[in-house]
């Protein structure tokens, strides 16, 4: 998939299925990717909002927090309570937060995806 940034030479391509999560850092995002069972981190010059808008066709990607976009297919464990969740992803060391405001939507999307994988 091709991602367009504000600066043409910063445009990049990647496979959304390889994305573990994206973390916002001002006008940049830090992409954590899993390719051939190896984890890579890349810094890209694009806001998380712009990145998320271009990935709208990928139902397995979810904006779980103001600073994080996560791939629901790579979640190994969900822990937490009504105050918010923490996600543990396959192969990733960093724990990804789910904000309280996103809990309901997260639960519904995660259950639908889990049902689709099981069924």
Protein backbone atom coordinates (compact mmCIF):
# COMPACT_ATOMS: atom_id res chain seq x y z
CA UNK A 1 0.00 0.00 0.00
CA UNK A 2 1.31 3.42 -0.91
CA UNK A 3 1.22 6.17 1.74
CA UNK A 4 1.37 9.82 0.69
CA UNK A 5 3.00 12.37 2.98
CA UNK A 6 3.16 16.16 2.78
CA UNK A 7 6.61 15.95 1.20
CA UNK A 8 6.60 13.84 -1.96
CA UNK A 9 10.06 12.32 -1.43
CA UNK A 10 8.90 11.08 2.00
CA UNK A 11 6.08 8.99 0.47
CA UNK A 12 6.47 5.30 1.24
CA UNK A 13 4.96 1.87 0.64
CA UNK A 14 4.36 -0.91 3.13
CA UNK A 15 2.15 -3.92 3.75
CA UNK A 16 -0.48 -3.01 6.41
CA UNK A 17 -0.60 -6.65 7.56
CA UNK A 18 3.04 -6.29 8.72
CA UNK A 19 2.23 -3.36 10.99
CA UNK A 20 2.23 -4.18 14.70
CA UNK A 21 1.47 -0.61 15.75
CA UNK A 22 2.13 3.02 14.90
CA UNK A 23 3.00 5.54 17.59
CA UNK A 24 2.54 9.30 17.14
CA UNK A 25 5.49 11.58 17.79
CA UNK A 26 4.48 15.11 16.81
CA UNK A 27 4.45 15.35 13.01
CA UNK A 28 6.09 11.93 12.79
CA UNK A 29 4.99 8.38 13.41
CA UNK A 30 7.08 5.49 14.57
CA UNK A 31 6.04 2.34 12.71
CA UNK A 32 6.76 -0.98 14.36
CA UNK A 33 6.62 -3.71 11.71
CA UNK A 34 7.00 -7.47 11.80
CA UNK A 35 8.56 -8.84 8.62
CA UNK A 36 9.69 -12.48 8.38
CA UNK A 37 9.52 -12.83 12.19
CA UNK A 38 11.79 -9.83 12.73
CA UNK A 39 10.69 -6.55 14.26
CA UNK A 40 11.67 -3.28 12.60
CA UNK A 41 11.01 0.30 13.67
CA UNK A 42 10.86 3.12 11.14
CA UNK A 43 10.28 6.83 11.64
CA UNK A 44 8.05 8.42 8.99
CA UNK A 45 7.19 12.07 8.47
CA UNK A 46 3.39 12.00 8.60
CA UNK A 47 0.89 12.64 11.38
CA UNK A 48 -0.97 9.69 12.86
CA UNK A 49 -4.26 11.28 11.76
CA UNK A 50 -3.12 11.49 8.11
CA UNK A 51 -1.70 7.95 8.27
CA UNK A 52 -4.93 6.57 9.76
CA UNK A 53 -7.06 8.29 7.08
CA UNK A 54 -5.09 6.55 4.32
CA UNK A 55 -5.56 3.17 6.01
CA UNK A 56 -9.35 3.43 6.29
CA UNK A 57 -9.76 0.36 4.03
CA UNK A 58 -7.97 -1.89 6.57
CA UNK A 59 -10.58 -3.06 9.14
CA UNK A 60 -7.91 -4.78 11.26
CA UNK A 61 -6.18 -1.47 12.05
CA UNK A 62 -7.65 0.49 14.95
CA UNK A 63 -6.87 3.85 16.57
CA UNK A 64 -6.95 2.70 20.19
CA UNK A 65 -5.44 5.82 21.76
CA UNK A 66 -4.67 9.39 20.68
CA UNK A 67 -1.04 8.36 20.15
CA UNK A 68 -1.45 4.76 18.90
CA UNK A 69 -2.85 2.84 15.96
CA UNK A 70 -2.74 -0.93 16.48
CA UNK A 71 -3.11 -4.01 14.29
CA UNK A 72 -5.83 -6.09 15.97
CA UNK A 73 -4.48 -9.25 14.31
CA UNK A 74 -1.22 -9.08 16.28
CA UNK A 75 -2.72 -8.80 19.78
CA UNK A 76 -1.49 -11.56 22.05
CA UNK A 77 -3.06 -10.42 25.33
CA UNK A 78 -5.48 -7.76 26.57
CA UNK A 79 -5.22 -6.68 30.20
CA UNK A 80 -6.78 -3.88 32.19
CA UNK A 81 -10.17 -2.71 33.41
CA UNK A 82 -12.76 0.02 32.84
CA UNK A 83 -10.01 2.62 33.29
CA UNK A 84 -8.33 1.42 30.12
CA UNK A 85 -6.62 -1.60 28.64
CA UNK A 86 -3.05 -2.45 27.86
CA UNK A 87 -2.32 -4.57 24.80
CA UNK A 88 0.54 -7.00 24.51
CA UNK A 89 1.42 -7.68 20.88
CA UNK A 90 3.21 -10.62 19.32
CA UNK A 91 6.94 -9.87 19.08
CA UNK A 92 6.63 -6.28 20.41
CA UNK A 93 8.11 -5.28 23.75
CA UNK A 94 6.21 -2.03 24.19
CA UNK A 95 2.73 -2.29 25.64
CA UNK A 96 0.08 -0.36 23.72
CA UNK A 97 -2.63 1.49 25.69
CA UNK A 98 -6.32 1.60 24.84
CA UNK A 99 -7.96 4.79 26.12
CA UNK A 100 -11.16 4.68 28.17
CA UNK A 101 -13.08 6.49 25.43
CA UNK A 102 -12.21 3.72 22.94
CA UNK A 103 -12.98 0.67 25.12
CA UNK A 104 -16.46 -0.04 23.73
CA UNK A 105 -15.42 0.33 20.09
CA UNK A 106 -12.27 -1.69 20.74
CA UNK A 107 -14.23 -4.55 22.36
CA UNK A 108 -16.67 -4.70 19.48
CA UNK A 109 -13.97 -4.55 16.75
CA UNK A 110 -11.72 -7.05 18.53
CA UNK A 111 -14.59 -9.53 19.10
CA UNK A 112 -15.72 -9.24 15.46
CA UNK A 113 -12.18 -9.86 14.24
CA UNK A 114 -11.67 -12.79 16.63
CA UNK A 115 -14.99 -14.24 15.43
CA UNK A 116 -13.97 -13.80 11.79
CA UNK A 117 -10.64 -15.56 12.41
CA UNK A 118 -12.29 -18.42 14.35
CA UNK A 119 -15.15 -18.79 11.87
